[in-house]
Amino acid sequence: MPDEPARYIPNRLGTQGIRGLPISQTHALKANDLDLHHNDPFDRLIIAQALVENLTVLTPDQLFGKYPIEVVWCGK
């Protein structure tokens, strides 16, 4: 990175108009209720957030497609 991550990442996100999504209790509970298509707890949390917040997920991970969320395939 061209600068320290603590400076670079917030600056890049701000420049691109990207904001973080805090993890709520609702997200955590939804992650717990998901079918076990995906075993990675962080990915399950992303899926839960997408469900609760009606968001689209960008990922090359085809397991995300097993959940009722909108997925845009990118990368691999």
N, C-alpha and C. Protein backbone atom coordinates (compact mmCIF):
# COMPACT_ATOMS: atom_id res chain seq x y z
N MET A 1 0.84 -1.18 0.00
CA MET A 1 0.00 0.00 0.00
C MET A 1 0.89 1.24 0.00
N PRO A 2 0.43 2.30 -0.61
CA PRO A 2 1.24 3.51 -0.68
C PRO A 2 1.29 4.30 0.63
N ASP A 3 0.52 3.90 1.63
CA ASP A 3 0.50 4.59 2.92
C ASP A 3 0.15 3.56 3.99
N GLU A 4 0.20 3.98 5.25
CA GLU A 4 -0.18 3.10 6.35
C GLU A 4 -1.65 2.69 6.18
N PRO A 5 -1.98 1.41 6.42
CA PRO A 5 -3.37 0.96 6.25
C PRO A 5 -4.40 1.80 7.02
N ALA A 6 -4.03 2.25 8.22
CA ALA A 6 -4.97 3.04 9.03
C ALA A 6 -5.33 4.36 8.37
N ARG A 7 -4.49 4.86 7.48
CA ARG A 7 -4.79 6.10 6.74
C ARG A 7 -5.31 5.77 5.34
N TYR A 8 -4.64 4.83 4.69
CA TYR A 8 -4.94 4.54 3.29
C TYR A 8 -6.36 4.01 3.09
N ILE A 9 -6.74 3.03 3.88
CA ILE A 9 -8.04 2.38 3.69
C ILE A 9 -9.20 3.36 3.92
N PRO A 10 -9.25 4.10 5.03
CA PRO A 10 -10.35 5.06 5.18
C PRO A 10 -10.37 6.12 4.08
N ASN A 11 -9.20 6.58 3.65
CA ASN A 11 -9.15 7.57 2.58
C ASN A 11 -9.71 7.01 1.27
N ARG A 12 -9.30 5.78 0.91
CA ARG A 12 -9.80 5.17 -0.33
C ARG A 12 -11.30 4.92 -0.27
N LEU A 13 -11.77 4.43 0.85
CA LEU A 13 -13.20 4.17 0.99
C LEU A 13 -13.98 5.48 0.88
N GLY A 14 -13.49 6.52 1.53
CA GLY A 14 -14.15 7.82 1.47
C GLY A 14 -14.16 8.39 0.07
N THR A 15 -13.05 8.26 -0.64
CA THR A 15 -12.95 8.74 -2.01
C THR A 15 -13.96 8.05 -2.91
N GLN A 16 -14.18 6.76 -2.66
CA GLN A 16 -15.08 5.98 -3.51
C GLN A 16 -16.52 5.96 -2.99
N GLY A 17 -16.76 6.65 -1.88
CA GLY A 17 -18.12 6.71 -1.33
C GLY A 17 -18.58 5.41 -0.70
N ILE A 18 -17.63 4.60 -0.24
CA ILE A 18 -17.97 3.32 0.39
C ILE A 18 -17.99 3.51 1.90
N ARG A 19 -19.03 3.00 2.54
CA ARG A 19 -19.10 3.09 4.00
C ARG A 19 -19.18 1.69 4.59
N GLY A 20 -18.69 1.56 5.78
CA GLY A 20 -18.71 0.27 6.46
C GLY A 20 -20.12 -0.08 6.94
N LEU A 21 -20.34 -1.36 7.13
CA LEU A 21 -21.61 -1.84 7.66
C LEU A 21 -21.34 -2.49 9.01
N PRO A 22 -21.77 -1.85 10.08
CA PRO A 22 -21.55 -2.44 11.41
C PRO A 22 -22.27 -3.78 11.54
N ILE A 23 -21.74 -4.64 12.36
CA ILE A 23 -22.37 -5.93 12.63
C ILE A 23 -23.35 -5.75 13.78
N SER A 24 -24.60 -6.11 13.53
CA SER A 24 -25.63 -5.97 14.56
C SER A 24 -26.00 -7.33 15.14
N GLN A 25 -26.74 -7.29 16.22
CA GLN A 25 -27.24 -8.53 16.82
C GLN A 25 -28.15 -9.27 15.83
N THR A 26 -28.92 -8.52 15.07
CA THR A 26 -29.80 -9.12 14.06
C THR A 26 -28.98 -9.89 13.03
N HIS A 27 -27.86 -9.33 12.59
CA HIS A 27 -26.98 -10.01 11.63
C HIS A 27 -26.44 -11.31 12.24
N ALA A 28 -25.98 -11.24 13.47
CA ALA A 28 -25.40 -12.42 14.12
C ALA A 28 -26.44 -13.53 14.28
N LEU A 29 -27.65 -13.16 14.67
CA LEU A 29 -28.70 -14.16 14.84
C LEU A 29 -29.09 -14.77 13.50
N LYS A 30 -29.14 -13.96 12.46
CA LYS A 30 -29.47 -14.47 11.12
C LYS A 30 -28.40 -15.44 10.64
N ALA A 31 -27.12 -15.12 10.90
CA ALA A 31 -26.02 -16.01 10.51
C ALA A 31 -26.18 -17.38 11.16
N ASN A 32 -26.63 -17.39 12.40
CA ASN A 32 -26.84 -18.63 13.12
C ASN A 32 -27.96 -19.46 12.52
N ASP A 33 -28.93 -18.80 11.91
CA ASP A 33 -30.11 -19.49 11.35
C ASP A 33 -29.91 -20.00 9.92
N LEU A 34 -28.79 -19.64 9.28
CA LEU A 34 -28.57 -20.03 7.88
C LEU A 34 -28.35 -21.53 7.73
N ASP A 35 -28.79 -22.06 6.59
CA ASP A 35 -28.45 -23.44 6.25
C ASP A 35 -26.93 -23.55 6.15
N LEU A 36 -26.41 -24.74 6.39
CA LEU A 36 -24.95 -24.93 6.45
C LEU A 36 -24.33 -25.22 5.08
N HIS A 37 -24.66 -24.41 4.07
CA HIS A 37 -24.01 -24.55 2.77
C HIS A 37 -22.56 -24.07 2.87
N HIS A 38 -22.34 -23.11 3.75
CA HIS A 38 -21.02 -22.48 3.87
C HIS A 38 -20.55 -22.62 5.31
N ASN A 39 -19.32 -23.09 5.51
CA ASN A 39 -18.81 -23.31 6.86
C ASN A 39 -17.97 -22.17 7.40
N ASP A 40 -17.61 -21.20 6.56
CA ASP A 40 -16.78 -20.09 7.01
C ASP A 40 -17.65 -19.08 7.77
N PRO A 41 -17.38 -18.87 9.07
CA PRO A 41 -18.25 -17.99 9.86
C PRO A 41 -18.27 -16.55 9.37
N PHE A 42 -17.16 -16.04 8.86
CA PHE A 42 -17.15 -14.67 8.36
C PHE A 42 -18.01 -14.57 7.09
N ASP A 43 -17.89 -15.53 6.20
CA ASP A 43 -18.71 -15.52 5.00
C ASP A 43 -20.18 -15.66 5.35
N ARG A 44 -20.50 -16.46 6.34
CA ARG A 44 -21.89 -16.61 6.77
C ARG A 44 -22.42 -15.29 7.31
N LEU A 45 -21.57 -14.53 7.98
CA LEU A 45 -21.98 -13.22 8.48
C LEU A 45 -22.25 -12.25 7.32
N ILE A 46 -21.42 -12.29 6.28
CA ILE A 46 -21.64 -11.46 5.09
C ILE A 46 -22.98 -11.83 4.45
N ILE A 47 -23.26 -13.12 4.35
CA ILE A 47 -24.52 -13.59 3.77
C ILE A 47 -25.70 -13.11 4.62
N ALA A 48 -25.57 -13.21 5.92
CA ALA A 48 -26.63 -12.76 6.83
C ALA A 48 -26.87 -11.26 6.67
N GLN A 49 -25.80 -10.48 6.58
CA GLN A 49 -25.96 -9.04 6.39
C GLN A 49 -26.66 -8.74 5.06
N ALA A 50 -26.30 -9.48 4.03
CA ALA A 50 -26.94 -9.27 2.73
C ALA A 50 -28.44 -9.56 2.81
N LEU A 51 -28.80 -10.61 3.53
CA LEU A 51 -30.21 -10.95 3.69
C LEU A 51 -30.96 -9.88 4.48
N VAL A 52 -30.41 -9.50 5.62
CA VAL A 52 -31.08 -8.54 6.51
C VAL A 52 -31.18 -7.16 5.86
N GLU A 53 -30.11 -6.74 5.20
CA GLU A 53 -30.04 -5.38 4.65
C GLU A 53 -30.43 -5.30 3.17
N ASN A 54 -30.80 -6.44 2.58
CA ASN A 54 -31.16 -6.52 1.16
C ASN A 54 -30.03 -5.97 0.28
N LEU A 55 -28.84 -6.53 0.46
CA LEU A 55 -27.64 -6.10 -0.26
C LEU A 55 -27.21 -7.13 -1.29
N THR A 56 -26.46 -6.69 -2.27
CA THR A 56 -25.84 -7.56 -3.26
C THR A 56 -24.43 -7.87 -2.81
N VAL A 57 -24.00 -9.11 -2.98
CA VAL A 57 -22.65 -9.53 -2.60
C VAL A 57 -21.81 -9.74 -3.86
N LEU A 58 -20.61 -9.19 -3.86
CA LEU A 58 -19.65 -9.43 -4.94
C LEU A 58 -18.64 -10.45 -4.44
N THR A 59 -18.56 -11.60 -5.10
CA THR A 59 -17.66 -12.66 -4.64
C THR A 59 -17.40 -13.67 -5.75
N PRO A 60 -16.24 -14.31 -5.72
CA PRO A 60 -16.00 -15.42 -6.64
C PRO A 60 -16.43 -16.76 -6.01
N ASP A 61 -16.88 -16.73 -4.77
CA ASP A 61 -17.23 -17.94 -4.03
C ASP A 61 -18.61 -18.43 -4.44
N GLN A 62 -18.67 -19.53 -5.16
CA GLN A 62 -19.94 -20.03 -5.68
C GLN A 62 -20.89 -20.53 -4.61
N LEU A 63 -20.40 -20.81 -3.41
CA LEU A 63 -21.28 -21.26 -2.33
C LEU A 63 -22.27 -20.17 -1.92
N PHE A 64 -21.93 -18.91 -2.15
CA PHE A 64 -22.85 -17.82 -1.82
C PHE A 64 -24.14 -17.96 -2.62
N GLY A 65 -24.05 -18.53 -3.81
CA GLY A 65 -25.21 -18.69 -4.67
C GLY A 65 -26.24 -19.67 -4.15
N LYS A 66 -25.91 -20.43 -3.12
CA LYS A 66 -26.85 -21.37 -2.52
C LYS A 66 -27.83 -20.69 -1.56
N TYR A 67 -27.58 -19.41 -1.30
CA TYR A 67 -28.44 -18.65 -0.38
C TYR A 67 -29.32 -17.70 -1.19
N PRO A 68 -30.46 -17.31 -0.64
CA PRO A 68 -31.38 -16.43 -1.37
C PRO A 68 -30.96 -14.97 -1.34
N ILE A 69 -29.76 -14.70 -1.88
CA ILE A 69 -29.25 -13.33 -1.96
C ILE A 69 -28.84 -13.06 -3.40
N GLU A 70 -28.75 -11.78 -3.73
CA GLU A 70 -28.25 -11.42 -5.06
C GLU A 70 -26.73 -11.46 -5.01
N VAL A 71 -26.14 -12.18 -5.95
CA VAL A 71 -24.68 -12.35 -6.01
C VAL A 71 -24.18 -11.92 -7.38
N VAL A 72 -23.13 -11.12 -7.39
CA VAL A 72 -22.43 -10.76 -8.61
C VAL A 72 -21.09 -11.46 -8.56
N TRP A 73 -20.80 -12.32 -9.54
CA TRP A 73 -19.56 -13.07 -9.54
C TRP A 73 -18.43 -12.16 -10.03
N CYS A 74 -17.35 -12.17 -9.32
CA CYS A 74 -16.19 -11.38 -9.73
C CYS A 74 -14.94 -12.18 -9.42
N GLY A 75 -13.84 -11.76 -9.94
CA GLY A 75 -12.58 -12.42 -9.62
C GLY A 75 -12.36 -13.68 -10.40
N LYS A 76 -12.16 -14.76 -9.70
CA LYS A 76 -11.73 -16.06 -10.25
C LYS A 76 -12.57 -16.51 -11.42
